[in-house]
Amino acid sequence: MRSKITLKELAKLLNVSVSTVSKALNDSSEISPKTVQRVKELAALHNYRPNPTAVNLKRNRTGNIAVIVPNISNTFFAKVLGGIETEARKLGFQVITYISNESLKLEQQITELVSNGLVDGLLISVSEETQKEANFEHLHRLSEYEIPIVLFDRINIDIELDKVGVNDKASIYDAVKFLHSKNLKNIGLVSALGDIGLGKLRIQGYLDACNDLNLPVSKDYTIASTDISLVKKKLKKLLKEEKVEAIIALDYLSTLLSSRIIQESGLKIPDDIKMIGYVTEDFAPLLWPSISYVDQHPSKIGEKASTLLIDRINKVQNKATEKAIINTEFVHLDSTRF
């Protein structure tokens, strides 16, 4: 296997200066077309590739972007990461991924690490604890260092940064509206996200729809907690005591839990009760019965977040922050069959 050739070795073979070779490879107008052709032909013959570290040092950048995700417990963030990675590579950047495990302290430690010149920009979905504490000082500090930041997915926070997310409130509003159009009135809601951030927005979408459509709203029908055992207990009680016609689950965990509790309660989906959940396209068809779901297009979220961040790094965006909203899509499977 032929070893890598250096710029200096190319220059020696061509009997020209290193500067001439470098300029020719970058199509400088200072170099004659004939010399440019000679240099590029020899470079191709020897499979020459520029040293990315040297190129980035020259441009005063690392060629890396950091991504902080709050957890890897479901496939949503894996899909987002896939979109980020694909788009970043297209644009010439490498991705360094960190997991905050829903911890503010760990998130702060990671941002401190990346502030030391390790990356050119940061993509982050903030942790649950960060949202609860409303502590964004570490993000403000990165901004002061002029490190570009783009928030994704969990964007319902009061901070002036670029954001990429979905129309959370509208997606649940539309789900309720669809079920109501099929003459269903007793519609329950289950969330393992609690009542902050995305959970709060989705719950508000449910409440707004119930109010606009004159549907009965009871606290028993709205189950929201990060305590899974409590969610399980309340849902079992609701299904036992009320004639629930449909359940909307607001996240991956509550979707799996609701499907199981419904069937453990002796009810059949969709014959006795309809269900809409939040799962990915890869997973929903594998459940039995398959669960209709709100598709958040996580790969598109990742791609858009990457593009927006790298535009910031390359300074092609104007100074105003951007909020990009990806439209969700309602996908019908067995659980909403009428």
Protein backbone atom coordinates (compact mmCIF):
# COMPACT_ATOMS: atom_id res chain seq x y z
CA MET A 1 0.00 0.00 0.00
CA ARG A 2 1.42 3.39 -1.03
CA SER A 3 2.13 5.63 1.98
CA LYS A 4 0.66 9.13 2.20
CA ILE A 5 2.61 11.80 0.39
CA THR A 6 3.21 15.21 1.94
CA LEU A 7 2.97 18.68 0.42
CA LYS A 8 6.76 18.99 0.70
CA GLU A 9 7.32 15.74 -1.18
CA LEU A 10 4.95 16.81 -3.95
CA ALA A 11 6.85 20.07 -4.30
CA LYS A 12 10.16 18.19 -4.54
CA LEU A 13 8.85 15.86 -7.27
CA LEU A 14 7.57 18.83 -9.27
CA ASN A 15 10.66 20.93 -8.60
CA VAL A 16 8.58 23.87 -7.34
CA SER A 17 8.07 25.50 -3.94
CA VAL A 18 5.69 24.19 -1.27
CA SER A 19 3.81 27.48 -1.55
CA THR A 20 3.27 26.94 -5.28
CA VAL A 21 1.84 23.45 -4.69
CA SER A 22 -0.47 24.72 -1.94
CA LYS A 23 -1.75 27.58 -4.07
CA ALA A 24 -2.24 25.32 -7.10
CA LEU A 25 -4.31 22.85 -5.06
CA ASN A 26 -6.49 25.77 -3.95
CA ASP A 27 -6.89 27.11 -7.53
CA SER A 28 -5.05 30.34 -6.84
CA SER A 29 -5.07 32.83 -9.71
CA GLU A 30 -1.38 33.41 -9.02
CA ILE A 31 -0.53 30.01 -10.50
CA SER A 32 -0.73 29.26 -14.23
CA PRO A 33 -3.42 26.80 -15.39
CA LYS A 34 -0.70 24.49 -16.73
CA THR A 35 1.05 24.30 -13.35
CA VAL A 36 -2.27 23.81 -11.54
CA GLN A 37 -3.03 20.86 -13.80
CA ARG A 38 0.43 19.31 -13.25
CA VAL A 39 0.12 19.65 -9.48
CA LYS A 40 -3.40 18.21 -9.31
CA GLU A 41 -2.55 15.28 -11.59
CA LEU A 42 0.46 14.31 -9.45
CA ALA A 43 -1.53 14.82 -6.24
CA ALA A 44 -4.26 12.52 -7.57
CA LEU A 45 -1.72 9.93 -8.66
CA HIS A 46 -0.26 9.78 -5.16
CA ASN A 47 -3.69 10.03 -3.47
CA TYR A 48 -2.69 13.23 -1.67
CA ARG A 49 -5.10 14.47 1.00
CA PRO A 50 -4.64 17.71 2.96
CA ASN A 51 -4.00 17.29 6.69
CA PRO A 52 -7.36 18.33 8.21
CA THR A 53 -5.72 19.51 11.45
CA ALA A 54 -3.35 21.79 9.55
CA VAL A 55 -6.18 23.14 7.39
CA ASN A 56 -8.32 23.89 10.42
CA LEU A 57 -5.46 25.54 12.28
CA LYS A 58 -4.91 27.78 9.29
CA ARG A 59 -8.60 28.70 9.33
CA ASN A 60 -8.53 29.13 13.12
CA ARG A 61 -11.06 26.37 13.73
CA THR A 62 -11.12 22.74 14.85
CA GLY A 63 -13.49 21.22 12.30
CA ASN A 64 -15.49 19.71 15.20
CA ILE A 65 -18.95 20.38 16.57
CA ALA A 66 -20.24 19.08 19.91
CA VAL A 67 -23.68 17.59 20.54
CA ILE A 68 -25.19 17.18 24.01
CA VAL A 69 -28.24 14.91 24.28
CA PRO A 70 -30.11 14.43 27.58
CA ASN A 71 -30.47 10.65 27.30
CA ILE A 72 -30.26 7.69 24.94
CA SER A 73 -33.21 5.77 26.41
CA ASN A 74 -35.23 5.93 23.20
CA THR A 75 -34.58 5.94 19.50
CA PHE A 76 -35.65 9.58 19.00
CA PHE A 77 -32.29 11.05 19.96
CA ALA A 78 -30.45 8.33 18.04
CA LYS A 79 -32.36 9.45 14.93
CA VAL A 80 -31.59 13.10 15.63
CA LEU A 81 -27.90 12.25 16.05
CA GLY A 82 -27.98 10.38 12.75
CA GLY A 83 -29.32 13.48 10.99
CA ILE A 84 -26.73 15.69 12.68
CA GLU A 85 -23.86 13.38 11.76
CA THR A 86 -24.92 13.00 8.12
CA GLU A 87 -25.31 16.72 7.50
CA ALA A 88 -22.17 17.69 9.44
CA ARG A 89 -20.01 15.29 7.42
CA LYS A 90 -21.42 16.69 4.18
CA LEU A 91 -20.34 20.13 5.34
CA GLY A 92 -16.85 19.01 6.39
CA PHE A 93 -17.29 18.73 10.16
CA GLN A 94 -16.79 15.91 12.67
CA VAL A 95 -19.24 15.35 15.54
CA ILE A 96 -18.34 14.78 19.20
CA THR A 97 -21.30 13.47 21.19
CA TYR A 98 -21.94 13.83 24.94
CA ILE A 99 -24.79 12.58 27.16
CA SER A 100 -25.94 14.71 30.10
CA ASN A 101 -28.15 11.99 31.64
CA GLU A 102 -30.72 14.72 32.45
CA SER A 103 -28.20 16.32 34.85
CA LEU A 104 -27.58 20.08 35.05
CA LYS A 105 -24.21 19.56 36.74
CA LEU A 106 -22.98 17.19 34.04
CA GLU A 107 -24.28 19.52 31.34
CA GLN A 108 -22.32 22.39 32.92
CA GLN A 109 -19.17 20.26 33.04
CA ILE A 110 -19.50 19.34 29.37
CA THR A 111 -20.03 22.96 28.29
CA GLU A 112 -16.96 23.97 30.32
CA LEU A 113 -14.97 21.31 28.48
CA VAL A 114 -16.11 22.37 25.01
CA SER A 115 -15.44 26.04 25.81
CA ASN A 116 -11.70 25.32 25.85
CA GLY A 117 -11.30 25.40 22.07
CA LEU A 118 -12.29 21.77 21.53
CA VAL A 119 -15.09 22.57 19.07
CA ASP A 120 -16.37 25.33 16.80
CA GLY A 121 -19.98 25.17 17.95
CA LEU A 122 -22.53 23.33 20.11
CA LEU A 123 -25.85 21.60 19.47
CA ILE A 124 -27.76 20.90 22.68
CA SER A 125 -31.05 19.48 23.91
CA VAL A 126 -31.05 20.66 27.51
CA SER A 127 -31.49 18.30 30.44
CA GLU A 128 -34.64 17.88 32.49
CA GLU A 129 -32.87 19.30 35.54
CA THR A 130 -31.73 22.35 33.55
CA GLN A 131 -35.36 23.05 32.63
CA LYS A 132 -36.60 22.56 36.21
CA GLU A 133 -33.93 24.85 37.66
CA ALA A 134 -34.23 27.31 34.74
CA ASN A 135 -30.46 27.65 35.02
CA PHE A 136 -28.93 28.58 31.66
CA GLU A 137 -25.88 30.45 32.89
CA HIS A 138 -23.51 27.93 31.27
CA LEU A 139 -25.12 28.58 27.88
CA HIS A 140 -24.95 32.35 28.35
CA ARG A 141 -21.25 31.95 29.13
CA LEU A 142 -20.60 30.05 25.90
CA SER A 143 -22.39 32.79 23.98
CA GLU A 144 -20.14 35.36 25.62
CA TYR A 145 -17.16 33.37 24.33
CA GLU A 146 -18.77 33.73 20.86
CA ILE A 147 -19.22 29.96 20.52
CA PRO A 148 -22.29 29.37 18.29
CA ILE A 149 -25.08 27.37 19.96
CA VAL A 150 -28.24 25.81 18.52
CA LEU A 151 -30.92 24.33 20.78
CA PHE A 152 -32.89 21.38 19.42
CA ASP A 153 -36.01 19.47 20.46
CA ARG A 154 -36.36 21.00 23.95
CA ILE A 155 -36.65 24.58 22.82
CA ASN A 156 -39.39 25.91 25.08
CA ILE A 157 -36.95 27.91 27.19
CA ASP A 158 -36.48 31.65 27.53
CA ILE A 159 -33.04 32.19 26.04
CA GLU A 160 -32.07 34.07 22.88
CA LEU A 161 -30.43 31.33 20.79
CA ASP A 162 -31.09 29.58 17.48
CA LYS A 163 -33.63 26.78 17.96
CA VAL A 164 -34.87 23.77 15.99
CA GLY A 165 -37.95 21.85 17.10
CA VAL A 166 -41.44 20.72 16.18
CA ASN A 167 -44.94 22.16 16.56
CA ASP A 168 -45.58 20.29 19.84
CA LYS A 169 -48.73 22.06 20.94
CA ALA A 170 -50.34 21.92 17.49
CA SER A 171 -49.53 18.23 16.99
CA ILE A 172 -51.48 17.21 20.11
CA TYR A 173 -54.27 19.67 19.35
CA ASP A 174 -54.67 18.02 15.94
CA ALA A 175 -54.61 14.51 17.48
CA VAL A 176 -57.50 15.41 19.79
CA LYS A 177 -59.34 17.05 16.91
CA PHE A 178 -58.98 13.88 14.81
CA LEU A 179 -60.36 11.65 17.57
CA HIS A 180 -63.24 14.07 18.13
CA SER A 181 -64.06 13.94 14.40
CA LYS A 182 -64.65 10.21 14.91
CA ASN A 183 -67.23 10.98 17.65
CA LEU A 184 -64.91 10.18 20.55
CA LYS A 185 -65.33 12.39 23.62
CA ASN A 186 -63.64 10.72 26.58
CA ILE A 187 -59.99 11.18 25.64
CA GLY A 188 -57.27 10.65 28.22
CA LEU A 189 -53.71 11.94 28.18
CA VAL A 190 -50.60 10.24 29.58
CA SER A 191 -47.16 11.83 29.92
CA ALA A 192 -43.93 10.60 31.50
CA LEU A 193 -42.35 13.98 30.68
CA GLY A 194 -44.00 15.68 33.62
CA ASP A 195 -45.43 19.16 33.16
CA ILE A 196 -42.32 21.12 32.12
CA GLY A 197 -40.79 21.90 28.75
CA LEU A 198 -42.20 19.77 25.95
CA GLY A 199 -44.58 18.03 28.33
CA LYS A 200 -46.12 21.38 29.27
CA LEU A 201 -46.58 22.40 25.63
CA ARG A 202 -48.18 19.10 24.65
CA ILE A 203 -50.50 19.14 27.66
CA GLN A 204 -51.55 22.68 26.73
CA GLY A 205 -52.32 21.51 23.19
CA TYR A 206 -54.59 18.80 24.67
CA LEU A 207 -56.34 21.25 27.03
CA ASP A 208 -56.82 23.86 24.30
CA ALA A 209 -58.38 21.28 21.97
CA CYS A 210 -60.71 19.95 24.69
CA ASN A 211 -61.79 23.49 25.50
CA ASP A 212 -62.37 24.48 21.86
CA LEU A 213 -64.27 21.26 21.11
CA ASN A 214 -66.32 21.34 24.34
CA LEU A 215 -64.87 18.03 25.50
CA PRO A 216 -64.99 17.13 29.19
CA VAL A 217 -61.70 17.86 30.99
CA SER A 218 -61.00 16.12 34.27
CA LYS A 219 -57.75 15.99 36.27
CA ASP A 220 -58.19 12.20 36.35
CA TYR A 221 -57.97 12.16 32.54
CA THR A 222 -54.70 14.12 32.52
CA ILE A 223 -51.89 11.93 33.88
CA ALA A 224 -48.48 13.63 33.87
CA SER A 225 -45.54 12.67 36.03
CA THR A 226 -41.90 11.59 35.75
CA ASP A 227 -42.70 9.00 38.45
CA ILE A 228 -43.49 5.96 36.31
CA SER A 229 -45.05 3.98 39.15
CA LEU A 230 -47.46 6.88 39.78
CA VAL A 231 -48.36 7.11 36.07
CA LYS A 232 -49.01 3.38 36.04
CA LYS A 233 -51.21 3.54 39.16
CA LYS A 234 -53.28 6.48 37.90
CA LEU A 235 -53.80 4.99 34.44
CA LYS A 236 -54.97 1.66 35.88
CA LYS A 237 -57.43 3.53 38.11
CA LEU A 238 -58.72 5.65 35.21
CA LEU A 239 -59.30 2.66 32.94
CA LYS A 240 -61.09 0.79 35.73
CA GLU A 241 -63.39 3.62 36.81
CA GLU A 242 -64.11 5.52 33.58
CA LYS A 243 -65.27 4.70 30.07
CA VAL A 244 -62.16 5.98 28.30
CA GLU A 245 -62.53 5.97 24.51
CA ALA A 246 -58.99 6.99 23.56
CA ILE A 247 -55.56 7.61 25.06
CA ILE A 248 -52.94 10.01 23.74
CA ALA A 249 -49.45 9.25 25.07
CA LEU A 250 -47.04 12.18 24.86
CA ASP A 251 -43.66 10.43 24.76
CA TYR A 252 -41.88 7.17 24.04
CA LEU A 253 -42.04 5.75 27.57
CA SER A 254 -45.68 6.62 28.20
CA THR A 255 -46.60 5.11 24.81
CA LEU A 256 -45.10 1.73 25.75
CA LEU A 257 -46.53 1.89 29.26
CA SER A 258 -50.04 2.87 28.12
CA SER A 259 -50.19 0.12 25.51
CA ARG A 260 -49.27 -2.46 28.12
CA ILE A 261 -51.58 -1.17 30.90
CA ILE A 262 -54.54 -0.97 28.51
CA GLN A 263 -54.12 -4.62 27.53
CA GLU A 264 -53.42 -5.74 31.11
CA SER A 265 -56.72 -4.08 32.03
CA GLY A 266 -58.53 -6.46 29.67
CA LEU A 267 -59.17 -3.87 26.96
CA LYS A 268 -58.47 -4.41 23.29
CA ILE A 269 -56.79 -1.83 21.05
CA PRO A 270 -58.46 -0.55 18.85
CA ASP A 271 -61.78 -2.34 19.47
CA ASP A 272 -62.34 -1.04 23.01
CA ILE A 273 -60.06 1.95 23.04
CA LYS A 274 -58.08 3.94 20.46
CA MET A 275 -54.53 5.09 21.04
CA ILE A 276 -52.04 7.63 19.64
CA GLY A 277 -48.42 7.72 20.81
CA TYR A 278 -44.99 9.24 20.35
CA VAL A 279 -42.66 6.63 18.87
CA THR A 280 -40.48 6.43 15.78
CA GLU A 281 -41.34 4.94 12.41
CA ASP A 282 -38.99 2.01 13.03
CA PHE A 283 -40.61 1.02 16.30
CA ALA A 284 -44.35 1.71 15.98
CA PRO A 285 -45.10 -1.13 13.51
CA LEU A 286 -43.36 -3.66 15.78
CA LEU A 287 -45.80 -3.16 18.66
CA TRP A 288 -48.89 -5.36 18.87
CA PRO A 289 -51.18 -3.90 17.86
CA SER A 290 -49.15 -1.34 15.94
CA ILE A 291 -49.50 2.13 17.47
CA SER A 292 -50.53 5.20 15.48
CA TYR A 293 -48.05 7.96 16.23
CA VAL A 294 -46.97 11.55 15.81
CA ASP A 295 -43.90 11.50 13.57
CA GLN A 296 -41.55 14.28 14.68
CA HIS A 297 -39.12 13.63 11.81
CA PRO A 298 -36.07 13.45 14.12
CA SER A 299 -33.59 13.06 11.26
CA LYS A 300 -34.84 16.34 9.77
CA ILE A 301 -34.44 18.03 13.16
CA GLY A 302 -30.82 16.85 13.26
CA GLU A 303 -30.09 17.91 9.69
CA LYS A 304 -31.59 21.38 10.17
CA ALA A 305 -29.78 21.89 13.48
CA SER A 306 -26.45 20.94 11.86
CA THR A 307 -27.00 23.26 8.91
CA LEU A 308 -28.01 26.18 11.12
CA LEU A 309 -25.01 25.74 13.44
CA ILE A 310 -22.47 25.40 10.64
CA ASP A 311 -23.96 28.46 8.92
CA ARG A 312 -23.31 30.31 12.16
CA ILE A 313 -19.75 28.99 12.31
CA ASN A 314 -19.18 30.07 8.71
CA LYS A 315 -20.87 33.41 9.47
CA VAL A 316 -23.31 33.16 6.57
CA GLN A 317 -26.33 33.89 8.77
CA ASN A 318 -27.41 37.34 9.86
CA LYS A 319 -27.31 38.35 13.51
CA ALA A 320 -30.99 37.67 14.29
CA THR A 321 -31.62 34.29 15.91
CA GLU A 322 -33.71 31.75 14.02
CA LYS A 323 -36.43 29.42 15.26
CA ALA A 324 -36.96 26.59 12.79
CA ILE A 325 -40.10 24.49 13.28
CA ILE A 326 -40.38 21.07 11.61
CA ASN A 327 -43.98 20.07 10.93
CA THR A 328 -45.04 16.79 12.50
CA GLU A 329 -47.10 14.15 10.72
CA PHE A 330 -49.84 11.89 12.09
CA VAL A 331 -49.27 8.29 10.98
CA HIS A 332 -52.28 5.94 11.22
CA LEU A 333 -51.66 2.30 12.15
CA ASP A 334 -53.79 -0.37 13.89
CA SER A 335 -54.51 1.58 17.08
CA THR A 336 -56.69 4.20 15.35
CA ARG A 337 -58.52 1.80 13.06
CA PHE A 338 -62.27 2.50 13.04
